[in-house]
Amino acid sequence: MHVSPPPQSDLVLEAFRVHASARIGALEQGLESQRELCTLIEEAREHQRSWTVESQSFLDTANTSLQNLQEDRGTLNQQVRLSGSATLCG
């Protein structure tokens, strides 16, 4: 019994099927990688938003502390001036 080789068209179709299958696999991997990247980017954005809120809170606290220190300094300067005037007049 003699087996004849497959027709040329079958070989071309098989080569095309193998190539298409490999290309589809690569595209699916690329899509999965893109999905993972998007997930990581969204997580990074969430961290950035959280850090921005924390930073603003810290900045607000620092500004309040600075204002309090400036007020205290003004009060101390005024007390020093008054005590100096009292000493000069006394």
N, C-alpha and C. Protein backbone atom coordinates (compact mmCIF):
# COMPACT_ATOMS: atom_id res chain seq x y z
N MET A 1 0.84 -1.17 0.00
CA MET A 1 0.00 0.00 0.00
C MET A 1 0.89 1.24 0.00
N HIS A 2 0.57 2.14 -0.84
CA HIS A 2 1.36 3.36 -1.03
C HIS A 2 0.58 4.55 -0.52
N VAL A 3 1.18 5.31 0.44
CA VAL A 3 0.52 6.49 0.99
C VAL A 3 1.05 7.70 0.23
N SER A 4 0.16 8.43 -0.35
CA SER A 4 0.60 9.61 -1.09
C SER A 4 0.74 10.79 -0.14
N PRO A 5 1.71 11.67 -0.40
CA PRO A 5 1.90 12.84 0.47
C PRO A 5 0.67 13.74 0.39
N PRO A 6 0.45 14.51 1.47
CA PRO A 6 -0.71 15.41 1.45
C PRO A 6 -0.54 16.44 0.34
N PRO A 7 -1.63 16.89 -0.19
CA PRO A 7 -1.55 17.91 -1.24
C PRO A 7 -0.88 19.18 -0.70
N GLN A 8 -0.29 19.92 -1.59
CA GLN A 8 0.41 21.16 -1.24
C GLN A 8 -0.50 22.12 -0.49
N SER A 9 -1.76 22.16 -0.90
CA SER A 9 -2.70 23.08 -0.23
C SER A 9 -2.88 22.71 1.24
N ASP A 10 -2.87 21.41 1.57
CA ASP A 10 -2.97 21.00 2.97
C ASP A 10 -1.75 21.45 3.77
N LEU A 11 -0.58 21.37 3.14
CA LEU A 11 0.64 21.82 3.82
C LEU A 11 0.60 23.32 4.08
N VAL A 12 0.11 24.08 3.12
CA VAL A 12 0.01 25.54 3.28
C VAL A 12 -0.99 25.86 4.38
N LEU A 13 -2.14 25.16 4.37
CA LEU A 13 -3.14 25.40 5.40
C LEU A 13 -2.62 25.05 6.79
N GLU A 14 -1.88 23.96 6.89
CA GLU A 14 -1.32 23.56 8.18
C GLU A 14 -0.29 24.58 8.66
N ALA A 15 0.55 25.06 7.75
CA ALA A 15 1.54 26.08 8.12
C ALA A 15 0.83 27.36 8.57
N PHE A 16 -0.24 27.71 7.87
CA PHE A 16 -1.00 28.90 8.24
C PHE A 16 -1.64 28.70 9.61
N ARG A 17 -2.21 27.51 9.86
CA ARG A 17 -2.84 27.22 11.15
C ARG A 17 -1.82 27.32 12.28
N VAL A 18 -0.64 26.77 12.08
CA VAL A 18 0.41 26.83 13.11
C VAL A 18 0.83 28.28 13.36
N HIS A 19 1.02 29.03 12.28
CA HIS A 19 1.42 30.43 12.42
C HIS A 19 0.32 31.24 13.13
N ALA A 20 -0.93 31.04 12.70
CA ALA A 20 -2.04 31.78 13.30
C ALA A 20 -2.19 31.42 14.77
N SER A 21 -2.04 30.14 15.10
CA SER A 21 -2.15 29.71 16.48
C SER A 21 -1.06 30.35 17.35
N ALA A 22 0.16 30.40 16.83
CA ALA A 22 1.26 31.02 17.56
C ALA A 22 1.01 32.52 17.75
N ARG A 23 0.50 33.16 16.71
CA ARG A 23 0.23 34.61 16.77
C ARG A 23 -0.88 34.90 17.78
N ILE A 24 -1.94 34.10 17.75
CA ILE A 24 -3.05 34.28 18.70
C ILE A 24 -2.54 34.08 20.13
N GLY A 25 -1.71 33.07 20.34
CA GLY A 25 -1.14 32.85 21.67
C GLY A 25 -0.33 34.04 22.14
N ALA A 26 0.47 34.60 21.24
CA ALA A 26 1.28 35.78 21.60
C ALA A 26 0.38 36.98 21.93
N LEU A 27 -0.68 37.16 21.13
CA LEU A 27 -1.60 38.28 21.40
C LEU A 27 -2.32 38.09 22.72
N GLU A 28 -2.72 36.86 23.04
CA GLU A 28 -3.37 36.60 24.32
C GLU A 28 -2.43 36.88 25.49
N GLN A 29 -1.17 36.52 25.34
CA GLN A 29 -0.19 36.81 26.39
C GLN A 29 -0.01 38.31 26.54
N GLY A 30 0.03 39.01 25.40
CA GLY A 30 0.16 40.47 25.44
C GLY A 30 -1.03 41.12 26.12
N LEU A 31 -2.23 40.60 25.83
CA LEU A 31 -3.44 41.13 26.44
C LEU A 31 -3.44 40.88 27.94
N GLU A 32 -3.03 39.70 28.35
CA GLU A 32 -2.96 39.38 29.78
C GLU A 32 -1.93 40.29 30.47
N SER A 33 -0.81 40.50 29.82
CA SER A 33 0.21 41.39 30.39
C SER A 33 -0.33 42.81 30.52
N GLN A 34 -1.08 43.25 29.52
CA GLN A 34 -1.66 44.59 29.56
C GLN A 34 -2.67 44.70 30.70
N ARG A 35 -3.47 43.67 30.90
CA ARG A 35 -4.44 43.67 32.01
C ARG A 35 -3.71 43.75 33.35
N GLU A 36 -2.64 42.97 33.50
CA GLU A 36 -1.87 43.01 34.74
C GLU A 36 -1.28 44.39 34.96
N LEU A 37 -0.76 44.99 33.89
CA LEU A 37 -0.18 46.33 33.99
C LEU A 37 -1.24 47.34 34.40
N CYS A 38 -2.42 47.24 33.81
CA CYS A 38 -3.51 48.17 34.18
C CYS A 38 -3.88 48.02 35.65
N THR A 39 -3.91 46.79 36.13
CA THR A 39 -4.21 46.55 37.55
C THR A 39 -3.15 47.18 38.43
N LEU A 40 -1.88 47.00 38.07
CA LEU A 40 -0.79 47.58 38.85
C LEU A 40 -0.83 49.10 38.82
N ILE A 41 -1.16 49.67 37.67
CA ILE A 41 -1.25 51.13 37.56
C ILE A 41 -2.38 51.66 38.44
N GLU A 42 -3.51 50.97 38.44
CA GLU A 42 -4.63 51.41 39.28
C GLU A 42 -4.26 51.32 40.76
N GLU A 43 -3.55 50.26 41.15
CA GLU A 43 -3.10 50.15 42.54
C GLU A 43 -2.15 51.30 42.88
N ALA A 44 -1.26 51.63 41.96
CA ALA A 44 -0.33 52.74 42.19
C ALA A 44 -1.08 54.06 42.33
N ARG A 45 -2.12 54.25 41.52
CA ARG A 45 -2.94 55.47 41.63
C ARG A 45 -3.61 55.55 42.99
N GLU A 46 -4.12 54.42 43.48
CA GLU A 46 -4.76 54.40 44.79
C GLU A 46 -3.76 54.78 45.88
N HIS A 47 -2.54 54.23 45.79
CA HIS A 47 -1.50 54.59 46.76
C HIS A 47 -1.17 56.07 46.67
N GLN A 48 -1.08 56.58 45.45
CA GLN A 48 -0.76 58.00 45.27
C GLN A 48 -1.86 58.88 45.88
N ARG A 49 -3.12 58.50 45.65
CA ARG A 49 -4.22 59.28 46.23
C ARG A 49 -4.14 59.26 47.77
N SER A 50 -3.87 58.09 48.32
CA SER A 50 -3.76 57.95 49.77
C SER A 50 -2.61 58.80 50.30
N TRP A 51 -1.46 58.74 49.63
CA TRP A 51 -0.31 59.53 50.07
C TRP A 51 -0.58 61.01 49.93
N THR A 52 -1.33 61.40 48.91
CA THR A 52 -1.66 62.81 48.73
C THR A 52 -2.51 63.30 49.89
N VAL A 53 -3.50 62.49 50.29
CA VAL A 53 -4.36 62.85 51.43
C VAL A 53 -3.53 62.95 52.70
N GLU A 54 -2.66 61.95 52.92
CA GLU A 54 -1.81 61.96 54.11
C GLU A 54 -0.87 63.16 54.10
N SER A 55 -0.31 63.46 52.95
CA SER A 55 0.62 64.59 52.83
C SER A 55 -0.10 65.90 53.13
N GLN A 56 -1.33 66.03 52.61
CA GLN A 56 -2.09 67.26 52.85
C GLN A 56 -2.40 67.40 54.33
N SER A 57 -2.75 66.29 54.97
CA SER A 57 -3.03 66.31 56.41
C SER A 57 -1.78 66.73 57.18
N PHE A 58 -0.64 66.16 56.80
CA PHE A 58 0.63 66.53 57.47
C PHE A 58 0.93 68.00 57.24
N LEU A 59 0.73 68.47 56.00
CA LEU A 59 1.00 69.87 55.68
C LEU A 59 0.08 70.79 56.48
N ASP A 60 -1.19 70.42 56.60
CA ASP A 60 -2.12 71.23 57.39
C ASP A 60 -1.68 71.30 58.85
N THR A 61 -1.26 70.17 59.41
CA THR A 61 -0.79 70.13 60.79
C THR A 61 0.47 70.97 60.95
N ALA A 62 1.40 70.86 60.00
CA ALA A 62 2.64 71.65 60.06
C ALA A 62 2.33 73.14 59.98
N ASN A 63 1.40 73.53 59.11
CA ASN A 63 1.04 74.96 58.99
C ASN A 63 0.38 75.46 60.27
N THR A 64 -0.48 74.65 60.87
CA THR A 64 -1.11 75.05 62.13
C THR A 64 -0.06 75.22 63.22
N SER A 65 0.88 74.27 63.29
CA SER A 65 1.96 74.36 64.29
C SER A 65 2.79 75.60 64.06
N LEU A 66 3.10 75.90 62.81
CA LEU A 66 3.88 77.10 62.49
C LEU A 66 3.15 78.36 62.92
N GLN A 67 1.85 78.42 62.63
CA GLN A 67 1.07 79.59 63.04
C GLN A 67 1.06 79.74 64.56
N ASN A 68 0.91 78.61 65.25
CA ASN A 68 0.93 78.67 66.72
C ASN A 68 2.28 79.14 67.23
N LEU A 69 3.36 78.65 66.65
CA LEU A 69 4.70 79.09 67.06
C LEU A 69 4.90 80.58 66.80
N GLN A 70 4.41 81.04 65.65
CA GLN A 70 4.55 82.47 65.33
C GLN A 70 3.75 83.32 66.32
N GLU A 71 2.55 82.84 66.67
CA GLU A 71 1.75 83.58 67.66
C GLU A 71 2.45 83.59 69.02
N ASP A 72 2.99 82.41 69.41
CA ASP A 72 3.71 82.33 70.69
C ASP A 72 4.92 83.25 70.68
N ARG A 73 5.62 83.29 69.57
CA ARG A 73 6.80 84.16 69.47
C ARG A 73 6.39 85.62 69.60
N GLY A 74 5.28 85.96 68.92
CA GLY A 74 4.79 87.34 69.03
C GLY A 74 4.41 87.69 70.46
N THR A 75 3.78 86.75 71.13
CA THR A 75 3.39 86.96 72.53
C THR A 75 4.64 87.12 73.40
N LEU A 76 5.63 86.25 73.20
CA LEU A 76 6.87 86.34 73.98
C LEU A 76 7.59 87.66 73.71
N ASN A 77 7.66 88.07 72.45
CA ASN A 77 8.31 89.34 72.11
C ASN A 77 7.60 90.50 72.80
N GLN A 78 6.28 90.42 72.80
CA GLN A 78 5.52 91.49 73.44
C GLN A 78 5.78 91.49 74.95
N GLN A 79 5.86 90.29 75.55
CA GLN A 79 6.13 90.22 76.99
C GLN A 79 7.53 90.74 77.30
N VAL A 80 8.49 90.42 76.43
CA VAL A 80 9.86 90.91 76.65
C VAL A 80 9.89 92.43 76.55
N ARG A 81 9.17 92.98 75.57
CA ARG A 81 9.14 94.44 75.44
C ARG A 81 8.49 95.09 76.66
N LEU A 82 7.42 94.48 77.13
CA LEU A 82 6.72 95.05 78.29
C LEU A 82 7.59 94.95 79.55
N SER A 83 8.26 93.79 79.70
CA SER A 83 9.09 93.65 80.89
C SER A 83 10.31 94.57 80.78
N GLY A 84 10.81 94.79 79.60
CA GLY A 84 11.92 95.73 79.41
C GLY A 84 11.50 97.15 79.69
N SER A 85 10.30 97.50 79.28
CA SER A 85 9.78 98.85 79.54
C SER A 85 9.55 99.04 81.03
N ALA A 86 9.05 98.03 81.70
CA ALA A 86 8.80 98.12 83.14
C ALA A 86 10.12 98.30 83.89
N THR A 87 11.18 97.60 83.40
CA THR A 87 12.47 97.70 84.05
C THR A 87 13.04 99.10 83.85
N LEU A 88 12.88 99.63 82.64
CA LEU A 88 13.41 100.95 82.36
C LEU A 88 12.68 102.02 83.15
N CYS A 89 11.38 101.85 83.33
CA CYS A 89 10.58 102.85 84.03
C CYS A 89 10.64 102.66 85.53
N GLY A 90 11.02 101.47 85.99
CA GLY A 90 10.94 101.15 87.40
C GLY A 90 12.12 101.58 88.11
